[in-house]
Amino acid sequence: MPQFLVAIHHPDDFVPASESPAARRDISALNDEMIAAGIRVFVGGLTRAADAKSIRVRDGRPLVTDGPYLETKEHVGGFWVLDLASLDDALAWGRKAAIACRTPVEVRAFG
């Protein structure tokens, strides 16, 4: 079965502890629903984008710098990896994730 990434996007200044009790409840319920459906492979939340390290190759040598790879106003804050039959199924779960997380969500298939 194909696997899909459902990535949650947060603003740069997002602090996980700032999520409302209702949002935490809805995300927990969504996780329970994914487990019950037998589709959840992995789920993870990430630390702040400001804590990221990026590695680029310059002159044939890896260079480590502070901060995320891309300088944007949003970043991936967490994600699910789901086993699903189709992109349509992945989009249905992505819609649920966007509602539960109260934030934009990106859905992509693993290639």
N, C-alpha and C. Protein backbone atom coordinates (compact mmCIF):
# COMPACT_ATOMS: atom_id res chain seq x y z
N MET A 1 0.85 -1.18 0.00
CA MET A 1 0.00 0.00 0.00
C MET A 1 0.90 1.24 0.00
N PRO A 2 0.55 2.26 -0.79
CA PRO A 2 1.37 3.48 -0.81
C PRO A 2 1.38 4.18 0.56
N GLN A 3 2.46 4.87 0.82
CA GLN A 3 2.56 5.67 2.05
C GLN A 3 2.52 7.14 1.68
N PHE A 4 1.88 7.91 2.55
CA PHE A 4 1.73 9.35 2.34
C PHE A 4 2.21 10.10 3.57
N LEU A 5 2.83 11.25 3.32
CA LEU A 5 3.22 12.17 4.37
C LEU A 5 2.13 13.22 4.51
N VAL A 6 1.65 13.42 5.72
CA VAL A 6 0.72 14.50 6.03
C VAL A 6 1.49 15.42 6.98
N ALA A 7 1.96 16.55 6.45
CA ALA A 7 2.83 17.46 7.21
C ALA A 7 2.04 18.67 7.69
N ILE A 8 2.24 19.02 8.94
CA ILE A 8 1.58 20.16 9.56
C ILE A 8 2.50 21.37 9.48
N HIS A 9 1.98 22.49 9.01
CA HIS A 9 2.78 23.71 8.89
C HIS A 9 2.43 24.68 10.01
N HIS A 10 3.46 25.20 10.66
CA HIS A 10 3.28 26.17 11.74
C HIS A 10 4.00 27.47 11.39
N PRO A 11 3.54 28.59 11.94
CA PRO A 11 4.29 29.83 11.78
C PRO A 11 5.60 29.74 12.55
N ASP A 12 6.59 30.52 12.15
CA ASP A 12 7.91 30.47 12.78
C ASP A 12 7.88 30.65 14.29
N ASP A 13 6.96 31.46 14.79
CA ASP A 13 6.93 31.74 16.22
C ASP A 13 6.03 30.77 17.00
N PHE A 14 5.61 29.67 16.38
CA PHE A 14 4.72 28.72 17.03
C PHE A 14 5.42 28.04 18.20
N VAL A 15 4.72 27.96 19.32
CA VAL A 15 5.20 27.26 20.51
C VAL A 15 4.20 26.13 20.78
N PRO A 16 4.65 24.86 20.73
CA PRO A 16 3.71 23.75 20.92
C PRO A 16 2.85 23.87 22.18
N ALA A 17 3.40 24.40 23.25
CA ALA A 17 2.64 24.54 24.49
C ALA A 17 1.49 25.54 24.35
N SER A 18 1.49 26.31 23.26
CA SER A 18 0.43 27.30 23.07
C SER A 18 -0.83 26.71 22.45
N GLU A 19 -0.79 25.43 22.05
CA GLU A 19 -2.00 24.82 21.49
C GLU A 19 -3.09 24.79 22.54
N SER A 20 -4.28 25.09 22.11
CA SER A 20 -5.42 25.10 23.03
C SER A 20 -5.75 23.69 23.48
N PRO A 21 -6.39 23.56 24.64
CA PRO A 21 -6.84 22.23 25.07
C PRO A 21 -7.75 21.57 24.04
N ALA A 22 -8.58 22.36 23.36
CA ALA A 22 -9.46 21.80 22.34
C ALA A 22 -8.66 21.24 21.17
N ALA A 23 -7.62 21.95 20.75
CA ALA A 23 -6.78 21.46 19.65
C ALA A 23 -6.06 20.18 20.06
N ARG A 24 -5.51 20.15 21.27
CA ARG A 24 -4.83 18.93 21.74
C ARG A 24 -5.80 17.75 21.79
N ARG A 25 -7.02 18.01 22.22
CA ARG A 25 -8.04 16.97 22.28
C ARG A 25 -8.36 16.46 20.87
N ASP A 26 -8.52 17.39 19.92
CA ASP A 26 -8.87 17.01 18.55
C ASP A 26 -7.74 16.25 17.87
N ILE A 27 -6.50 16.65 18.12
CA ILE A 27 -5.36 15.95 17.54
C ILE A 27 -5.25 14.55 18.14
N SER A 28 -5.47 14.42 19.43
CA SER A 28 -5.45 13.11 20.08
C SER A 28 -6.54 12.21 19.51
N ALA A 29 -7.72 12.77 19.30
CA ALA A 29 -8.83 12.00 18.72
C ALA A 29 -8.50 11.56 17.30
N LEU A 30 -7.85 12.44 16.54
CA LEU A 30 -7.46 12.09 15.17
C LEU A 30 -6.43 10.96 15.20
N ASN A 31 -5.47 11.03 16.10
CA ASN A 31 -4.49 9.94 16.23
C ASN A 31 -5.19 8.63 16.56
N ASP A 32 -6.13 8.66 17.49
CA ASP A 32 -6.88 7.46 17.85
C ASP A 32 -7.64 6.90 16.65
N GLU A 33 -8.21 7.81 15.85
CA GLU A 33 -8.96 7.39 14.66
C GLU A 33 -8.03 6.74 13.62
N MET A 34 -6.84 7.31 13.45
CA MET A 34 -5.86 6.75 12.51
C MET A 34 -5.40 5.36 12.96
N ILE A 35 -5.17 5.20 14.27
CA ILE A 35 -4.76 3.90 14.82
C ILE A 35 -5.87 2.88 14.61
N ALA A 36 -7.10 3.27 14.91
CA ALA A 36 -8.25 2.36 14.77
C ALA A 36 -8.43 1.94 13.31
N ALA A 37 -8.12 2.86 12.37
CA ALA A 37 -8.24 2.54 10.95
C ALA A 37 -7.07 1.70 10.44
N GLY A 38 -6.03 1.56 11.26
CA GLY A 38 -4.87 0.76 10.88
C GLY A 38 -3.99 1.38 9.81
N ILE A 39 -4.00 2.72 9.74
CA ILE A 39 -3.25 3.40 8.67
C ILE A 39 -2.03 4.14 9.16
N ARG A 40 -1.93 4.40 10.46
CA ARG A 40 -0.83 5.21 10.98
C ARG A 40 0.43 4.37 11.09
N VAL A 41 1.48 4.80 10.37
CA VAL A 41 2.78 4.15 10.40
C VAL A 41 3.66 4.82 11.44
N PHE A 42 3.65 6.15 11.43
CA PHE A 42 4.53 6.92 12.30
C PHE A 42 3.96 8.31 12.45
N VAL A 43 4.15 8.91 13.61
CA VAL A 43 3.76 10.30 13.84
C VAL A 43 4.88 10.97 14.63
N GLY A 44 5.13 12.22 14.37
CA GLY A 44 6.17 12.92 15.11
C GLY A 44 5.98 14.41 15.09
N GLY A 45 6.34 15.04 16.20
CA GLY A 45 6.36 16.49 16.29
C GLY A 45 7.81 16.93 16.29
N LEU A 46 8.07 18.08 15.74
CA LEU A 46 9.44 18.58 15.63
C LEU A 46 9.67 19.75 16.58
N THR A 47 10.92 19.99 16.93
CA THR A 47 11.26 21.15 17.74
C THR A 47 11.12 22.41 16.88
N ARG A 48 11.31 23.56 17.51
CA ARG A 48 11.16 24.83 16.80
C ARG A 48 12.12 24.90 15.60
N ALA A 49 11.69 25.58 14.54
CA ALA A 49 12.54 25.74 13.36
C ALA A 49 13.84 26.45 13.72
N ALA A 50 13.80 27.35 14.71
CA ALA A 50 15.00 28.07 15.13
C ALA A 50 16.06 27.14 15.70
N ASP A 51 15.65 25.95 16.15
CA ASP A 51 16.59 24.97 16.70
C ASP A 51 17.19 24.06 15.63
N ALA A 52 16.74 24.19 14.40
CA ALA A 52 17.22 23.32 13.32
C ALA A 52 18.66 23.63 12.95
N LYS A 53 19.31 22.66 12.38
CA LYS A 53 20.64 22.81 11.79
C LYS A 53 20.52 22.39 10.34
N SER A 54 21.18 23.10 9.44
CA SER A 54 21.17 22.77 8.02
C SER A 54 22.58 22.43 7.58
N ILE A 55 22.68 21.50 6.66
CA ILE A 55 23.98 21.10 6.13
C ILE A 55 23.96 21.28 4.62
N ARG A 56 24.89 22.06 4.13
CA ARG A 56 25.06 22.30 2.70
C ARG A 56 26.49 21.93 2.33
N VAL A 57 26.67 21.49 1.10
CA VAL A 57 28.03 21.19 0.64
C VAL A 57 28.57 22.41 -0.08
N ARG A 58 29.72 22.89 0.39
CA ARG A 58 30.41 24.02 -0.23
C ARG A 58 31.85 23.59 -0.50
N ASP A 59 32.27 23.75 -1.72
CA ASP A 59 33.63 23.37 -2.11
C ASP A 59 33.92 21.92 -1.73
N GLY A 60 32.91 21.04 -1.89
CA GLY A 60 33.08 19.63 -1.62
C GLY A 60 33.05 19.24 -0.15
N ARG A 61 32.81 20.19 0.73
CA ARG A 61 32.81 19.90 2.18
C ARG A 61 31.46 20.29 2.77
N PRO A 62 30.95 19.46 3.69
CA PRO A 62 29.68 19.81 4.35
C PRO A 62 29.87 20.98 5.32
N LEU A 63 28.97 21.94 5.25
CA LEU A 63 29.00 23.11 6.12
C LEU A 63 27.71 23.12 6.93
N VAL A 64 27.83 23.11 8.26
CA VAL A 64 26.67 23.12 9.15
C VAL A 64 26.38 24.56 9.56
N THR A 65 25.12 24.96 9.40
CA THR A 65 24.71 26.30 9.81
C THR A 65 23.49 26.20 10.71
N ASP A 66 23.26 27.23 11.50
CA ASP A 66 22.08 27.29 12.36
C ASP A 66 20.86 27.64 11.55
N GLY A 67 19.74 27.09 11.95
CA GLY A 67 18.47 27.45 11.36
C GLY A 67 18.00 26.48 10.30
N PRO A 68 16.75 26.64 9.87
CA PRO A 68 16.18 25.74 8.87
C PRO A 68 16.81 25.96 7.50
N TYR A 69 16.67 24.96 6.65
CA TYR A 69 17.22 25.03 5.29
C TYR A 69 16.62 26.20 4.52
N LEU A 70 15.31 26.35 4.58
CA LEU A 70 14.64 27.44 3.88
C LEU A 70 14.28 28.54 4.86
N GLU A 71 14.43 29.76 4.44
CA GLU A 71 14.00 30.89 5.27
C GLU A 71 12.59 31.26 4.83
N THR A 72 11.64 30.84 5.64
CA THR A 72 10.23 31.09 5.34
C THR A 72 9.53 31.56 6.60
N LYS A 73 8.28 31.94 6.46
CA LYS A 73 7.50 32.36 7.63
C LYS A 73 6.77 31.18 8.25
N GLU A 74 6.80 30.01 7.58
CA GLU A 74 6.19 28.79 8.11
C GLU A 74 7.18 27.65 7.98
N HIS A 75 6.98 26.61 8.76
CA HIS A 75 7.85 25.44 8.71
C HIS A 75 7.03 24.20 9.08
N VAL A 76 7.58 23.03 8.77
CA VAL A 76 6.93 21.78 9.17
C VAL A 76 7.10 21.63 10.67
N GLY A 77 6.00 21.48 11.36
CA GLY A 77 6.05 21.36 12.82
C GLY A 77 5.82 19.94 13.30
N GLY A 78 5.27 19.11 12.47
CA GLY A 78 5.01 17.72 12.81
C GLY A 78 4.43 17.01 11.60
N PHE A 79 4.26 15.70 11.72
CA PHE A 79 3.81 14.95 10.56
C PHE A 79 3.30 13.58 10.94
N TRP A 80 2.55 13.00 10.02
CA TRP A 80 2.14 11.60 10.09
C TRP A 80 2.64 10.91 8.83
N VAL A 81 2.99 9.65 8.91
CA VAL A 81 3.20 8.79 7.76
C VAL A 81 2.07 7.77 7.80
N LEU A 82 1.29 7.72 6.72
CA LEU A 82 0.09 6.89 6.69
C LEU A 82 0.14 5.90 5.53
N ASP A 83 -0.31 4.66 5.77
CA ASP A 83 -0.51 3.66 4.73
C ASP A 83 -1.93 3.82 4.19
N LEU A 84 -2.05 4.21 2.94
CA LEU A 84 -3.37 4.46 2.37
C LEU A 84 -3.42 3.94 0.93
N ALA A 85 -4.61 3.67 0.45
CA ALA A 85 -4.78 3.10 -0.88
C ALA A 85 -4.63 4.13 -2.00
N SER A 86 -4.89 5.40 -1.71
CA SER A 86 -4.91 6.38 -2.80
C SER A 86 -4.65 7.80 -2.29
N LEU A 87 -4.36 8.67 -3.23
CA LEU A 87 -4.21 10.09 -2.90
C LEU A 87 -5.53 10.65 -2.37
N ASP A 88 -6.65 10.20 -2.92
CA ASP A 88 -7.94 10.68 -2.42
C ASP A 88 -8.11 10.35 -0.93
N ASP A 89 -7.70 9.15 -0.54
CA ASP A 89 -7.76 8.78 0.88
C ASP A 89 -6.83 9.67 1.70
N ALA A 90 -5.63 9.93 1.17
CA ALA A 90 -4.67 10.78 1.88
C ALA A 90 -5.22 12.19 2.05
N LEU A 91 -5.87 12.70 1.02
CA LEU A 91 -6.46 14.04 1.12
C LEU A 91 -7.59 14.09 2.14
N ALA A 92 -8.35 13.01 2.24
CA ALA A 92 -9.42 12.97 3.24
C ALA A 92 -8.82 13.05 4.65
N TRP A 93 -7.74 12.31 4.90
CA TRP A 93 -7.09 12.38 6.21
C TRP A 93 -6.39 13.73 6.39
N GLY A 94 -5.85 14.29 5.33
CA GLY A 94 -5.25 15.62 5.40
C GLY A 94 -6.25 16.69 5.79
N ARG A 95 -7.46 16.58 5.27
CA ARG A 95 -8.52 17.53 5.65
C ARG A 95 -8.82 17.43 7.14
N LYS A 96 -8.89 16.19 7.63
CA LYS A 96 -9.14 16.00 9.06
C LYS A 96 -8.00 16.59 9.89
N ALA A 97 -6.76 16.42 9.41
CA ALA A 97 -5.59 16.94 10.12
C ALA A 97 -5.61 18.47 10.15
N ALA A 98 -5.97 19.09 9.04
CA ALA A 98 -6.03 20.56 8.98
C ALA A 98 -7.06 21.10 9.97
N ILE A 99 -8.18 20.40 10.09
CA ILE A 99 -9.22 20.83 11.03
C ILE A 99 -8.75 20.63 12.47
N ALA A 100 -8.20 19.45 12.76
CA ALA A 100 -7.77 19.15 14.14
C ALA A 100 -6.62 20.05 14.57
N CYS A 101 -5.67 20.27 13.67
CA CYS A 101 -4.47 21.05 14.03
C CYS A 101 -4.67 22.55 13.90
N ARG A 102 -5.74 22.94 13.18
CA ARG A 102 -6.04 24.36 12.99
C ARG A 102 -4.89 25.09 12.29
N THR A 103 -4.32 24.41 11.29
CA THR A 103 -3.17 24.95 10.57
C THR A 103 -3.11 24.30 9.19
N PRO A 104 -2.40 24.91 8.24
CA PRO A 104 -2.28 24.29 6.92
C PRO A 104 -1.57 22.94 7.00
N VAL A 105 -1.94 22.06 6.09
CA VAL A 105 -1.37 20.71 6.02
C VAL A 105 -0.97 20.43 4.58
N GLU A 106 0.16 19.76 4.41
CA GLU A 106 0.62 19.34 3.08
C GLU A 106 0.55 17.82 3.01
N VAL A 107 0.05 17.30 1.89
CA VAL A 107 -0.06 15.86 1.68
C VAL A 107 0.81 15.50 0.47
N ARG A 108 1.71 14.51 0.67
CA ARG A 108 2.58 14.07 -0.42
C ARG A 108 2.81 12.58 -0.32
N ALA A 109 2.87 11.92 -1.47
CA ALA A 109 3.17 10.49 -1.51
C ALA A 109 4.67 10.29 -1.44
N PHE A 110 5.07 9.16 -0.84
CA PHE A 110 6.47 8.77 -0.90
C PHE A 110 6.70 8.18 -2.29
N GLY A 111 7.82 8.52 -2.90
CA GLY A 111 8.09 8.07 -4.27
C GLY A 111 8.91 6.84 -4.35
